[in-house]
Amino acid sequence: MAGLVNKGTCAEMGTEIINVSGLGVIAASDLVDAAKKIAKAVKG
């Protein structure tokens, strides 16, 4: 079942809260998304 993502019922709302929190946290939807965002953040 590769590619199947199970998200909670409030995943979108939680991501939005993280994004506007000002905490300097980068929200990701899965490990692939997280790896891409980390690589981009490190490169500047």
N, C-alpha and C. Protein backbone atom coordinates (compact mmCIF):
# COMPACT_ATOMS: atom_id res chain seq x y z
N MET A 1 0.82 -1.19 0.00
CA MET A 1 0.00 0.00 0.00
C MET A 1 0.86 1.26 0.00
N ALA A 2 1.91 1.27 -0.76
CA ALA A 2 2.78 2.44 -0.85
C ALA A 2 1.98 3.63 -1.35
N GLY A 3 2.24 4.78 -0.78
CA GLY A 3 1.57 5.99 -1.20
C GLY A 3 0.29 6.30 -0.45
N LEU A 4 -0.17 5.37 0.38
CA LEU A 4 -1.39 5.59 1.15
C LEU A 4 -1.05 6.44 2.37
N VAL A 5 -1.71 7.57 2.50
CA VAL A 5 -1.47 8.47 3.62
C VAL A 5 -2.72 8.56 4.46
N ASN A 6 -2.59 8.25 5.73
CA ASN A 6 -3.70 8.34 6.66
C ASN A 6 -3.50 9.57 7.52
N LYS A 7 -4.36 10.57 7.34
CA LYS A 7 -4.26 11.81 8.10
C LYS A 7 -5.41 11.89 9.08
N GLY A 8 -5.19 12.58 10.16
CA GLY A 8 -6.23 12.78 11.15
C GLY A 8 -7.31 13.71 10.63
N THR A 9 -8.40 13.79 11.35
CA THR A 9 -9.54 14.59 10.91
C THR A 9 -9.25 16.08 10.93
N CYS A 10 -8.27 16.51 11.69
CA CYS A 10 -7.95 17.95 11.79
C CYS A 10 -6.56 18.24 11.26
N ALA A 11 -6.04 17.41 10.37
CA ALA A 11 -4.67 17.57 9.87
C ALA A 11 -4.46 18.91 9.19
N GLU A 12 -5.39 19.31 8.34
CA GLU A 12 -5.23 20.58 7.64
C GLU A 12 -5.27 21.77 8.60
N MET A 13 -6.16 21.73 9.56
CA MET A 13 -6.24 22.80 10.54
C MET A 13 -4.97 22.85 11.39
N GLY A 14 -4.47 21.70 11.78
CA GLY A 14 -3.25 21.65 12.58
C GLY A 14 -2.05 22.20 11.82
N THR A 15 -1.95 21.86 10.53
CA THR A 15 -0.87 22.37 9.70
C THR A 15 -0.95 23.89 9.60
N GLU A 16 -2.13 24.42 9.43
CA GLU A 16 -2.30 25.87 9.34
C GLU A 16 -1.91 26.54 10.65
N ILE A 17 -2.28 25.97 11.77
CA ILE A 17 -1.92 26.52 13.08
C ILE A 17 -0.40 26.56 13.21
N ILE A 18 0.28 25.50 12.82
CA ILE A 18 1.74 25.46 12.89
C ILE A 18 2.34 26.53 11.98
N ASN A 19 1.80 26.64 10.76
CA ASN A 19 2.36 27.59 9.79
C ASN A 19 2.23 29.04 10.23
N VAL A 20 1.19 29.41 10.95
CA VAL A 20 0.99 30.80 11.36
C VAL A 20 1.43 31.06 12.80
N SER A 21 1.99 30.06 13.47
CA SER A 21 2.34 30.19 14.88
C SER A 21 3.53 31.11 15.15
N GLY A 22 4.39 31.28 14.15
CA GLY A 22 5.59 32.09 14.36
C GLY A 22 6.68 31.36 15.11
N LEU A 23 6.54 30.06 15.29
CA LEU A 23 7.52 29.29 16.06
C LEU A 23 8.74 28.84 15.25
N GLY A 24 8.74 29.09 13.96
CA GLY A 24 9.87 28.64 13.14
C GLY A 24 9.84 27.15 12.88
N VAL A 25 8.67 26.55 12.97
CA VAL A 25 8.49 25.13 12.70
C VAL A 25 7.97 24.97 11.28
N ILE A 26 8.52 24.02 10.56
CA ILE A 26 8.07 23.75 9.20
C ILE A 26 7.23 22.48 9.21
N ALA A 27 5.96 22.61 8.87
CA ALA A 27 5.05 21.46 8.85
C ALA A 27 5.25 20.68 7.56
N ALA A 28 5.17 19.35 7.64
CA ALA A 28 5.29 18.49 6.47
C ALA A 28 4.17 17.46 6.49
N SER A 29 3.75 17.04 5.30
CA SER A 29 2.64 16.11 5.22
C SER A 29 3.07 14.65 5.35
N ASP A 30 4.34 14.37 5.01
CA ASP A 30 4.87 13.01 5.14
C ASP A 30 6.41 13.10 5.12
N LEU A 31 7.08 11.95 5.19
CA LEU A 31 8.54 11.97 5.27
C LEU A 31 9.20 12.49 3.99
N VAL A 32 8.61 12.21 2.84
CA VAL A 32 9.16 12.73 1.59
C VAL A 32 9.05 14.25 1.56
N ASP A 33 7.90 14.76 1.94
CA ASP A 33 7.69 16.21 2.00
C ASP A 33 8.66 16.82 3.01
N ALA A 34 8.85 16.18 4.15
CA ALA A 34 9.77 16.69 5.17
C ALA A 34 11.20 16.73 4.65
N ALA A 35 11.63 15.68 3.95
CA ALA A 35 12.99 15.65 3.41
C ALA A 35 13.21 16.78 2.40
N LYS A 36 12.23 17.01 1.55
CA LYS A 36 12.34 18.10 0.56
C LYS A 36 12.42 19.45 1.25
N LYS A 37 11.60 19.65 2.29
CA LYS A 37 11.58 20.94 3.00
C LYS A 37 12.87 21.15 3.79
N ILE A 38 13.41 20.07 4.37
CA ILE A 38 14.69 20.18 5.09
C ILE A 38 15.81 20.56 4.14
N ALA A 39 15.87 19.89 2.99
CA ALA A 39 16.91 20.18 2.00
C ALA A 39 16.82 21.63 1.54
N LYS A 40 15.61 22.11 1.31
CA LYS A 40 15.41 23.49 0.88
C LYS A 40 15.83 24.47 1.98
N ALA A 41 15.48 24.17 3.23
CA ALA A 41 15.82 25.06 4.34
C ALA A 41 17.33 25.12 4.57
N VAL A 42 18.01 24.01 4.41
CA VAL A 42 19.45 23.96 4.62
C VAL A 42 20.19 24.74 3.54
N LYS A 43 19.68 24.65 2.30
CA LYS A 43 20.31 25.36 1.19
C LYS A 43 20.11 26.86 1.29
N GLY A 44 19.06 27.25 2.00
CA GLY A 44 18.80 28.68 2.19
C GLY A 44 17.93 29.23 1.22
